[in-house]
């Protein structure tokens, strides 16, 4: 069932995830994707730099409305080929009842690259 809690993980499992705040520097439509998506380039500060990803977030977002927005992303997954595009991070969001995505972001502007924990 969709709303069941997943099996318990250890604190060490959680600590292996590297979630950071990054600012969207560039965003564009991804017409080659099987499902409507947007390509994003996020800046995570000097230590990490810029990482790119794609996301199926077109129900609520357009590329021009994402520029400058801070998002929360997992930055330590291995790169994943999505059609002709190589995704380097995974932005986070809430999946709605209609499978639409609402992005997670800080309430206030923080330094790019700040850790989530």
N, C-alpha and C. Protein backbone atom coordinates (compact mmCIF):
# COMPACT_ATOMS: atom_id res chain seq x y z
N UNK A 1 0.85 -1.19 0.00
CA UNK A 1 0.00 0.00 0.00
C UNK A 1 0.89 1.25 0.00
N UNK A 2 0.46 2.28 -0.70
CA UNK A 2 1.25 3.50 -0.89
C UNK A 2 1.60 4.24 0.39
N UNK A 3 0.74 4.27 1.38
CA UNK A 3 0.96 5.08 2.56
C UNK A 3 1.59 4.32 3.72
N UNK A 4 1.97 3.07 3.49
CA UNK A 4 2.62 2.31 4.55
C UNK A 4 4.04 2.82 4.76
N UNK A 5 4.48 2.77 6.01
CA UNK A 5 5.84 3.17 6.33
C UNK A 5 6.80 2.10 5.82
N UNK A 6 7.89 2.53 5.21
CA UNK A 6 8.90 1.60 4.71
C UNK A 6 9.62 0.95 5.90
N UNK A 7 10.34 -0.16 5.65
CA UNK A 7 11.07 -0.81 6.74
C UNK A 7 12.06 0.15 7.41
N UNK A 8 12.28 -0.07 8.69
CA UNK A 8 13.20 0.75 9.48
C UNK A 8 14.62 0.64 8.92
N UNK A 9 15.30 1.79 8.88
CA UNK A 9 16.72 1.80 8.50
C UNK A 9 17.51 2.29 9.71
N UNK A 10 18.80 2.11 9.65
CA UNK A 10 19.65 2.57 10.75
C UNK A 10 20.00 4.05 10.53
N UNK A 11 20.44 4.69 11.61
CA UNK A 11 20.91 6.07 11.50
C UNK A 11 22.08 6.15 10.53
N UNK A 12 22.92 5.12 10.54
CA UNK A 12 24.06 5.08 9.63
C UNK A 12 23.60 5.07 8.17
N UNK A 13 22.49 4.37 7.88
CA UNK A 13 21.94 4.38 6.52
C UNK A 13 21.56 5.80 6.11
N UNK A 14 20.87 6.51 6.99
CA UNK A 14 20.45 7.88 6.71
C UNK A 14 21.67 8.78 6.50
N UNK A 15 22.69 8.61 7.32
CA UNK A 15 23.87 9.45 7.23
C UNK A 15 24.63 9.26 5.92
N UNK A 16 24.40 8.16 5.23
CA UNK A 16 25.07 7.92 3.95
C UNK A 16 24.51 8.81 2.84
N UNK A 17 23.27 9.28 3.01
CA UNK A 17 22.70 10.21 2.04
C UNK A 17 23.34 11.58 2.22
N UNK A 18 23.74 12.19 1.12
CA UNK A 18 24.28 13.55 1.17
C UNK A 18 23.27 14.46 0.49
N UNK A 19 22.43 15.09 1.31
CA UNK A 19 21.42 16.01 0.79
C UNK A 19 21.90 17.44 1.02
N UNK A 20 21.79 18.26 -0.01
CA UNK A 20 22.29 19.63 0.04
C UNK A 20 21.27 20.58 -0.59
N UNK A 21 21.45 21.86 -0.29
CA UNK A 21 20.67 22.91 -0.92
C UNK A 21 21.45 23.44 -2.11
N UNK A 22 20.77 23.55 -3.24
CA UNK A 22 21.38 24.11 -4.43
C UNK A 22 20.43 25.08 -5.11
N UNK A 23 20.99 26.04 -5.83
CA UNK A 23 20.19 27.03 -6.54
C UNK A 23 20.13 26.70 -8.02
N UNK A 24 18.93 26.74 -8.58
CA UNK A 24 18.76 26.48 -10.01
C UNK A 24 19.35 27.64 -10.80
N UNK A 25 20.36 27.34 -11.61
CA UNK A 25 20.99 28.36 -12.45
C UNK A 25 20.43 28.35 -13.86
N UNK A 26 19.99 27.17 -14.29
CA UNK A 26 19.51 27.01 -15.66
C UNK A 26 18.42 25.95 -15.65
N UNK A 27 17.40 26.11 -16.47
CA UNK A 27 16.33 25.13 -16.59
C UNK A 27 15.78 25.20 -18.01
N UNK A 28 15.48 24.04 -18.56
CA UNK A 28 14.91 24.02 -19.91
C UNK A 28 14.04 22.78 -20.09
N UNK A 29 13.12 22.87 -21.03
CA UNK A 29 12.26 21.74 -21.34
C UNK A 29 13.10 20.55 -21.79
N UNK A 30 12.59 19.35 -21.58
CA UNK A 30 13.27 18.11 -21.96
C UNK A 30 12.33 17.31 -22.87
N UNK A 31 12.16 17.76 -24.11
CA UNK A 31 11.20 17.13 -25.01
C UNK A 31 11.55 15.68 -25.38
N UNK A 32 12.81 15.29 -25.24
CA UNK A 32 13.21 13.91 -25.58
C UNK A 32 12.80 12.90 -24.51
N UNK A 33 12.40 13.35 -23.33
CA UNK A 33 12.02 12.44 -22.25
C UNK A 33 10.72 11.72 -22.59
N UNK A 34 10.58 10.49 -22.08
CA UNK A 34 9.36 9.71 -22.33
C UNK A 34 8.14 10.37 -21.72
N UNK A 35 8.30 10.93 -20.52
CA UNK A 35 7.23 11.68 -19.86
C UNK A 35 7.68 13.13 -19.77
N UNK A 36 6.75 14.09 -19.80
CA UNK A 36 7.15 15.50 -19.74
C UNK A 36 8.08 15.78 -18.55
N UNK A 37 9.19 16.45 -18.83
CA UNK A 37 10.21 16.70 -17.80
C UNK A 37 10.91 18.02 -18.07
N UNK A 38 11.68 18.44 -17.08
CA UNK A 38 12.48 19.66 -17.16
C UNK A 38 13.92 19.30 -16.79
N UNK A 39 14.88 19.81 -17.56
CA UNK A 39 16.30 19.66 -17.23
C UNK A 39 16.70 20.83 -16.35
N UNK A 40 17.46 20.54 -15.29
CA UNK A 40 17.88 21.57 -14.33
C UNK A 40 19.38 21.50 -14.10
N UNK A 41 20.00 22.67 -13.92
CA UNK A 41 21.40 22.78 -13.52
C UNK A 41 21.41 23.55 -12.21
N UNK A 42 21.91 22.91 -11.14
CA UNK A 42 21.90 23.52 -9.81
C UNK A 42 23.32 23.78 -9.33
N UNK A 43 23.49 24.92 -8.65
CA UNK A 43 24.78 25.30 -8.08
C UNK A 43 24.78 24.94 -6.60
N UNK A 44 25.77 24.13 -6.19
CA UNK A 44 25.89 23.67 -4.80
C UNK A 44 27.10 24.28 -4.10
N UNK A 45 27.59 25.41 -4.55
CA UNK A 45 28.74 26.05 -3.93
C UNK A 45 30.04 25.53 -4.52
N UNK A 46 31.13 26.19 -4.11
CA UNK A 46 32.46 25.89 -4.67
C UNK A 46 32.90 24.44 -4.44
N UNK A 47 32.60 23.87 -3.30
CA UNK A 47 33.09 22.51 -2.98
C UNK A 47 32.50 21.45 -3.91
N UNK A 48 31.24 21.62 -4.33
CA UNK A 48 30.57 20.62 -5.17
C UNK A 48 30.44 21.12 -6.60
N UNK A 49 30.14 22.38 -6.75
CA UNK A 49 29.97 22.95 -8.08
C UNK A 49 28.56 22.78 -8.61
N UNK A 50 28.47 22.71 -9.92
CA UNK A 50 27.17 22.60 -10.59
C UNK A 50 26.89 21.14 -10.94
N UNK A 51 25.67 20.69 -10.63
CA UNK A 51 25.21 19.36 -10.99
C UNK A 51 23.91 19.50 -11.77
N UNK A 52 23.68 18.56 -12.67
CA UNK A 52 22.46 18.63 -13.47
C UNK A 52 21.56 17.43 -13.17
N UNK A 53 20.28 17.62 -13.44
CA UNK A 53 19.29 16.58 -13.23
C UNK A 53 18.11 16.84 -14.13
N UNK A 54 17.22 15.87 -14.23
CA UNK A 54 15.94 16.09 -14.89
C UNK A 54 14.85 15.62 -13.95
N UNK A 55 13.68 16.23 -14.08
CA UNK A 55 12.59 15.89 -13.18
C UNK A 55 11.25 16.03 -13.90
N UNK A 56 10.35 15.13 -13.57
CA UNK A 56 8.99 15.16 -14.12
C UNK A 56 8.13 16.06 -13.24
N UNK A 57 8.32 17.35 -13.39
CA UNK A 57 7.68 18.33 -12.50
C UNK A 57 6.84 19.35 -13.28
N UNK A 58 6.45 19.00 -14.50
CA UNK A 58 5.78 19.96 -15.37
C UNK A 58 4.33 20.25 -14.97
N UNK A 59 3.75 19.51 -14.03
CA UNK A 59 2.39 19.80 -13.59
C UNK A 59 2.32 21.15 -12.88
N UNK A 60 3.36 21.49 -12.12
CA UNK A 60 3.34 22.72 -11.33
C UNK A 60 4.41 23.74 -11.72
N UNK A 61 5.38 23.35 -12.54
CA UNK A 61 6.53 24.21 -12.77
C UNK A 61 6.83 24.36 -14.26
N UNK A 62 7.38 25.52 -14.61
CA UNK A 62 7.92 25.77 -15.94
C UNK A 62 9.38 26.17 -15.77
N UNK A 63 10.21 25.93 -16.78
CA UNK A 63 11.63 26.25 -16.62
C UNK A 63 11.90 27.68 -16.15
N UNK A 64 11.21 28.67 -16.71
CA UNK A 64 11.48 30.06 -16.34
C UNK A 64 11.15 30.38 -14.89
N UNK A 65 10.21 29.65 -14.28
CA UNK A 65 9.83 29.90 -12.89
C UNK A 65 10.77 29.21 -11.89
N UNK A 66 11.69 28.38 -12.38
CA UNK A 66 12.61 27.65 -11.50
C UNK A 66 13.96 28.35 -11.32
N UNK A 67 14.32 29.23 -12.25
CA UNK A 67 15.61 29.91 -12.18
C UNK A 67 15.69 30.71 -10.86
N UNK A 68 16.79 30.52 -10.13
CA UNK A 68 17.00 31.23 -8.87
C UNK A 68 16.39 30.57 -7.65
N UNK A 69 15.62 29.53 -7.84
CA UNK A 69 14.96 28.86 -6.72
C UNK A 69 15.92 27.87 -6.06
N UNK A 70 15.95 27.87 -4.74
CA UNK A 70 16.76 26.89 -4.01
C UNK A 70 15.94 25.62 -3.81
N UNK A 71 16.59 24.48 -4.05
CA UNK A 71 15.96 23.17 -3.90
C UNK A 71 16.84 22.27 -3.06
N UNK A 72 16.25 21.20 -2.57
CA UNK A 72 16.99 20.19 -1.80
C UNK A 72 17.21 18.99 -2.71
N UNK A 73 18.46 18.52 -2.77
CA UNK A 73 18.80 17.41 -3.65
C UNK A 73 19.75 16.44 -2.98
N UNK A 74 19.68 15.19 -3.42
CA UNK A 74 20.66 14.18 -3.03
C UNK A 74 21.79 14.29 -4.04
N UNK A 75 23.02 14.51 -3.55
CA UNK A 75 24.15 14.75 -4.46
C UNK A 75 25.13 13.58 -4.54
N UNK A 76 24.85 12.49 -3.81
CA UNK A 76 25.83 11.39 -3.85
C UNK A 76 25.27 10.09 -4.42
N UNK A 77 24.24 10.18 -5.27
CA UNK A 77 23.84 9.02 -6.06
C UNK A 77 24.76 8.94 -7.27
N UNK A 78 24.96 7.74 -7.83
CA UNK A 78 25.77 7.67 -9.04
C UNK A 78 25.03 8.35 -10.20
N UNK A 79 25.75 8.86 -11.18
CA UNK A 79 25.10 9.46 -12.34
C UNK A 79 24.17 8.45 -13.01
N UNK A 80 23.07 8.96 -13.60
CA UNK A 80 22.09 8.10 -14.25
C UNK A 80 21.76 8.67 -15.62
N UNK A 81 21.89 7.84 -16.64
CA UNK A 81 21.57 8.25 -18.01
C UNK A 81 20.06 8.25 -18.19
N UNK A 82 19.51 9.39 -18.59
CA UNK A 82 18.08 9.52 -18.86
C UNK A 82 17.96 9.99 -20.30
N UNK A 83 17.75 9.04 -21.20
CA UNK A 83 17.76 9.36 -22.63
C UNK A 83 19.11 9.94 -22.99
N UNK A 84 19.15 11.10 -23.66
CA UNK A 84 20.42 11.70 -24.06
C UNK A 84 21.04 12.57 -22.96
N UNK A 85 20.49 12.53 -21.76
CA UNK A 85 20.89 13.44 -20.68
C UNK A 85 21.42 12.65 -19.49
N UNK A 86 22.55 13.09 -18.93
CA UNK A 86 23.14 12.43 -17.76
C UNK A 86 22.75 13.20 -16.50
N UNK A 87 21.98 12.54 -15.63
CA UNK A 87 21.55 13.15 -14.38
C UNK A 87 22.61 12.90 -13.31
N UNK A 88 22.98 13.94 -12.55
CA UNK A 88 24.04 13.84 -11.55
C UNK A 88 23.56 14.00 -10.11
N UNK A 89 22.30 14.37 -9.92
CA UNK A 89 21.75 14.51 -8.58
C UNK A 89 20.25 14.24 -8.66
N UNK A 90 19.59 14.19 -7.51
CA UNK A 90 18.15 13.92 -7.46
C UNK A 90 17.48 14.98 -6.60
N UNK A 91 16.65 15.83 -7.22
CA UNK A 91 15.92 16.81 -6.42
C UNK A 91 14.79 16.09 -5.68
N UNK A 92 14.37 16.67 -4.55
CA UNK A 92 13.36 16.02 -3.71
C UNK A 92 12.03 16.74 -3.82
N UNK A 93 10.97 15.97 -3.65
CA UNK A 93 9.63 16.54 -3.72
C UNK A 93 8.61 15.60 -3.10
N UNK A 94 7.42 16.13 -2.93
CA UNK A 94 6.29 15.39 -2.39
C UNK A 94 5.44 14.90 -3.56
N UNK A 95 5.10 13.62 -3.56
CA UNK A 95 4.26 13.06 -4.61
C UNK A 95 2.80 13.17 -4.18
N UNK A 96 2.02 13.92 -4.96
CA UNK A 96 0.61 14.12 -4.66
C UNK A 96 -0.25 12.95 -5.07
N UNK A 97 -1.52 13.03 -4.75
CA UNK A 97 -2.47 11.96 -5.07
C UNK A 97 -2.56 11.69 -6.57
N UNK A 98 -2.35 12.71 -7.39
CA UNK A 98 -2.40 12.56 -8.84
C UNK A 98 -1.01 12.32 -9.45
N UNK A 99 -0.04 11.95 -8.60
CA UNK A 99 1.35 11.72 -9.01
C UNK A 99 2.06 13.00 -9.43
N UNK A 100 1.50 14.16 -9.10
CA UNK A 100 2.16 15.43 -9.37
C UNK A 100 3.19 15.68 -8.27
N UNK A 101 4.23 16.42 -8.60
CA UNK A 101 5.34 16.65 -7.67
C UNK A 101 5.34 18.10 -7.18
N UNK A 102 5.46 18.26 -5.87
CA UNK A 102 5.69 19.57 -5.26
C UNK A 102 7.10 19.55 -4.70
N UNK A 103 7.95 20.44 -5.17
CA UNK A 103 9.37 20.44 -4.79
C UNK A 103 9.58 20.87 -3.34
N UNK A 104 10.60 20.29 -2.70
CA UNK A 104 11.00 20.67 -1.36
C UNK A 104 12.08 21.75 -1.46
N UNK A 105 11.95 22.76 -0.60
CA UNK A 105 12.92 23.85 -0.60
C UNK A 105 12.95 24.50 0.77
N UNK A 106 14.04 25.19 1.09
CA UNK A 106 14.11 25.87 2.38
C UNK A 106 13.13 27.04 2.44
N UNK A 107 12.68 27.36 3.65
CA UNK A 107 11.80 28.51 3.83
C UNK A 107 12.52 29.83 3.60
N UNK A 108 13.81 29.85 3.88
CA UNK A 108 14.62 31.07 3.75
C UNK A 108 15.84 30.76 2.90
N UNK A 109 16.42 31.77 2.30
CA UNK A 109 17.63 31.59 1.50
C UNK A 109 18.77 31.19 2.42
N UNK A 110 19.47 30.13 2.05
CA UNK A 110 20.63 29.65 2.79
C UNK A 110 21.81 29.55 1.84
N UNK A 111 22.98 29.31 2.36
CA UNK A 111 24.17 29.19 1.53
C UNK A 111 24.07 27.93 0.68
N UNK A 112 24.37 28.05 -0.62
CA UNK A 112 24.38 26.89 -1.50
C UNK A 112 25.39 25.86 -0.98
N UNK A 113 24.98 24.61 -1.01
CA UNK A 113 25.85 23.54 -0.55
C UNK A 113 25.60 23.13 0.89
N UNK A 114 24.74 23.89 1.62
CA UNK A 114 24.46 23.54 3.01
C UNK A 114 23.88 22.14 3.08
N UNK A 115 24.30 21.40 4.09
CA UNK A 115 23.86 20.01 4.28
C UNK A 115 22.48 19.95 4.93
N UNK A 116 21.71 18.95 4.55
CA UNK A 116 20.43 18.64 5.16
C UNK A 116 20.69 17.46 6.09
N UNK A 117 20.19 17.54 7.28
CA UNK A 117 20.47 16.41 8.17
C UNK A 117 19.64 16.42 9.42
